[in-house]
Amino acid sequence: KNMLPRLGGYLVQGPHLNLERVETFIQTIGEYEDQIFQKRMRELRRQKDRLQRQKQQRAHEKGRRGASRGNTASASSAEPSAAYFAASMAAGEVR
């Protein structure tokens, strides 16, 4: 639509193609395609770099969390000890 004045008219007139106009149209579209592909590649590179940084950051944070905890709790260490259980029974708290 924006190219119509530059082309000097439509690409076709009835059943006939105006080859000069078609050539101009294709060359102009080709210039836009180069710009579009270059922009797309820049965006893909940025996305790849961002995902890599996020992955490294998650691994770094995971490593820091594990190191700062020292001893990690497990299901077996969450059970009451035998001494606690015996004391609770003696006090009448557990039947």
C-alpha atoms as a PDB file:
ATOM      1  CA  LYS A   1       0.000   0.000   0.000  1.00  0.00           C
ATOM      2  CA  ASN A   2       2.797   2.429   0.954  1.00  0.00           C
ATOM      3  CA  MET A   3       4.842   1.347  -2.055  1.00  0.00           C
ATOM      4  CA  LEU A   4       2.131   1.991  -4.630  1.00  0.00           C
ATOM      5  CA  PRO A   5       3.203   5.583  -5.401  1.00  0.00           C
ATOM      6  CA  ARG A   6       6.868   4.520  -5.746  1.00  0.00           C
ATOM      7  CA  LEU A   7       5.958   1.652  -8.030  1.00  0.00           C
ATOM      8  CA  GLY A   8       3.964   3.910 -10.291  1.00  0.00           C
ATOM      9  CA  GLY A   9       0.881   1.737 -10.070  1.00  0.00           C
ATOM     10  CA  TYR A  10      -0.265  -1.800  -9.388  1.00  0.00           C
ATOM     11  CA  LEU A  11       1.844  -4.916 -10.033  1.00  0.00           C
ATOM     12  CA  VAL A  12      -0.778  -6.274 -12.421  1.00  0.00           C
ATOM     13  CA  GLN A  13      -3.016  -4.684 -14.982  1.00  0.00           C
ATOM     14  CA  GLY A  14      -5.760  -7.104 -15.808  1.00  0.00           C
ATOM     15  CA  PRO A  15      -4.178 -10.482 -16.568  1.00  0.00           C
ATOM     16  CA  HIS A  16      -0.701  -8.993 -17.259  1.00  0.00           C
ATOM     17  CA  LEU A  17       2.166  -8.545 -14.798  1.00  0.00           C
ATOM     18  CA  ASN A  18       4.217  -5.371 -14.925  1.00  0.00           C
ATOM     19  CA  LEU A  19       7.625  -7.023 -14.473  1.00  0.00           C
ATOM     20  CA  GLU A  20       9.486  -3.773 -13.720  1.00  0.00           C
ATOM     21  CA  ARG A  21       7.118  -3.050 -10.828  1.00  0.00           C
ATOM     22  CA  VAL A  22       7.313  -6.660  -9.587  1.00  0.00           C
ATOM     23  CA  GLU A  23      11.126  -6.450  -9.599  1.00  0.00           C
ATOM     24  CA  THR A  24      11.088  -3.174  -7.650  1.00  0.00           C
ATOM     25  CA  PHE A  25       8.605  -4.666  -5.190  1.00  0.00           C
ATOM     26  CA  ILE A  26      10.694  -7.822  -4.627  1.00  0.00           C
ATOM     27  CA  GLN A  27      13.909  -5.821  -4.114  1.00  0.00           C
ATOM     28  CA  THR A  28      12.225  -3.574  -1.551  1.00  0.00           C
ATOM     29  CA  ILE A  29      10.759  -6.557   0.293  1.00  0.00           C
ATOM     30  CA  GLY A  30      14.220  -8.174   0.252  1.00  0.00           C
ATOM     31  CA  GLU A  31      15.693  -5.155   2.057  1.00  0.00           C
ATOM     32  CA  TYR A  32      13.027  -5.435   4.757  1.00  0.00           C
ATOM     33  CA  GLU A  33      13.684  -9.168   5.100  1.00  0.00           C
ATOM     34  CA  ASP A  34      17.367  -8.539   5.798  1.00  0.00           C
ATOM     35  CA  GLN A  35      16.440  -6.106   8.558  1.00  0.00           C
ATOM     36  CA  ILE A  36      13.857  -8.502   9.982  1.00  0.00           C
ATOM     37  CA  PHE A  37      16.286 -11.462  10.019  1.00  0.00           C
ATOM     38  CA  GLN A  38      19.046  -9.400  11.617  1.00  0.00           C
ATOM     39  CA  LYS A  39      16.653  -8.170  14.317  1.00  0.00           C
ATOM     40  CA  ARG A  40      15.397 -11.707  14.902  1.00  0.00           C
ATOM     41  CA  MET A  41      18.972 -13.008  15.296  1.00  0.00           C
ATOM     42  CA  ARG A  42      19.807 -10.233  17.801  1.00  0.00           C
ATOM     43  CA  GLU A  43      16.696 -11.089  19.820  1.00  0.00           C
ATOM     44  CA  LEU A  44      17.490 -14.810  19.783  1.00  0.00           C
ATOM     45  CA  ARG A  45      21.063 -14.151  20.937  1.00  0.00           C
ATOM     46  CA  ARG A  46      19.810 -11.914  23.768  1.00  0.00           C
ATOM     47  CA  GLN A  47      17.265 -14.541  24.807  1.00  0.00           C
ATOM     48  CA  LYS A  48      19.908 -17.289  24.752  1.00  0.00           C
ATOM     49  CA  ASP A  49      22.302 -15.163  26.825  1.00  0.00           C
ATOM     50  CA  ARG A  50      19.527 -14.272  29.302  1.00  0.00           C
ATOM     51  CA  LEU A  51      18.520 -17.924  29.739  1.00  0.00           C
ATOM     52  CA  GLN A  52      22.161 -18.903  30.269  1.00  0.00           C
ATOM     53  CA  ARG A  53      22.588 -16.169  32.919  1.00  0.00           C
ATOM     54  CA  GLN A  54      19.395 -17.301  34.675  1.00  0.00           C
ATOM     55  CA  LYS A  55      20.566 -20.904  34.661  1.00  0.00           C
ATOM     56  CA  GLN A  56      23.933 -19.928  36.139  1.00  0.00           C
ATOM     57  CA  GLN A  57      22.240 -17.730  38.740  1.00  0.00           C
ATOM     58  CA  ARG A  58      19.897 -20.550  39.810  1.00  0.00           C
ATOM     59  CA  ALA A  59      22.831 -22.948  40.115  1.00  0.00           C
ATOM     60  CA  HIS A  60      24.786 -20.372  42.121  1.00  0.00           C
ATOM     61  CA  GLU A  61      21.826 -19.735  44.469  1.00  0.00           C
ATOM     62  CA  LYS A  62      21.220 -23.458  44.875  1.00  0.00           C
ATOM     63  CA  GLY A  63      24.868 -23.945  45.796  1.00  0.00           C
ATOM     64  CA  ARG A  64      24.730 -21.107  48.320  1.00  0.00           C
ATOM     65  CA  ARG A  65      21.575 -22.483  49.943  1.00  0.00           C
ATOM     66  CA  GLY A  66      23.089 -25.935  50.311  1.00  0.00           C
ATOM     67  CA  ALA A  67      26.323 -24.535  51.749  1.00  0.00           C
ATOM     68  CA  SER A  68      24.572 -22.212  54.198  1.00  0.00           C
ATOM     69  CA  ARG A  69      22.392 -24.984  55.615  1.00  0.00           C
ATOM     70  CA  GLY A  70      25.266 -27.190  56.582  1.00  0.00           C
ATOM     71  CA  ASN A  71      23.363 -30.185  57.878  1.00  0.00           C
ATOM     72  CA  THR A  72      20.220 -30.845  55.967  1.00  0.00           C
ATOM     73  CA  ALA A  73      17.186 -32.316  57.663  1.00  0.00           C
ATOM     74  CA  SER A  74      15.790 -35.606  56.523  1.00  0.00           C
ATOM     75  CA  ALA A  75      12.575 -37.414  57.325  1.00  0.00           C
ATOM     76  CA  SER A  76      14.326 -39.744  59.766  1.00  0.00           C
ATOM     77  CA  SER A  77      15.858 -36.856  61.720  1.00  0.00           C
ATOM     78  CA  ALA A  78      12.416 -35.251  62.084  1.00  0.00           C
ATOM     79  CA  GLU A  79      11.141 -38.199  64.176  1.00  0.00           C
ATOM     80  CA  PRO A  80      11.024 -37.729  67.929  1.00  0.00           C
ATOM     81  CA  SER A  81      13.958 -39.340  69.682  1.00  0.00           C
ATOM     82  CA  ALA A  82      13.495 -42.325  71.956  1.00  0.00           C
ATOM     83  CA  ALA A  83      14.489 -40.194  74.968  1.00  0.00           C
ATOM     84  CA  TYR A  84      11.860 -37.570  74.160  1.00  0.00           C
ATOM     85  CA  PHE A  85       9.222 -40.243  73.655  1.00  0.00           C
ATOM     86  CA  ALA A  86      10.101 -41.967  76.973  1.00  0.00           C
ATOM     87  CA  ALA A  87       9.994 -38.651  78.845  1.00  0.00           C
ATOM     88  CA  SER A  88       6.624 -37.787  77.306  1.00  0.00           C
ATOM     89  CA  MET A  89       5.217 -41.166  78.321  1.00  0.00           C
ATOM     90  CA  ALA A  90       6.536 -40.797  81.873  1.00  0.00           C
ATOM     91  CA  ALA A  91       4.914 -37.379  82.142  1.00  0.00           C
ATOM     92  CA  GLY A  92       1.626 -38.827  80.939  1.00  0.00           C
ATOM     93  CA  GLU A  93       1.580 -36.708  77.766  1.00  0.00           C
ATOM     94  CA  VAL A  94       1.567 -39.758  75.471  1.00  0.00           C
ATOM     95  CA  ARG A  95      -0.504 -42.890  76.064  1.00  0.00           C
END
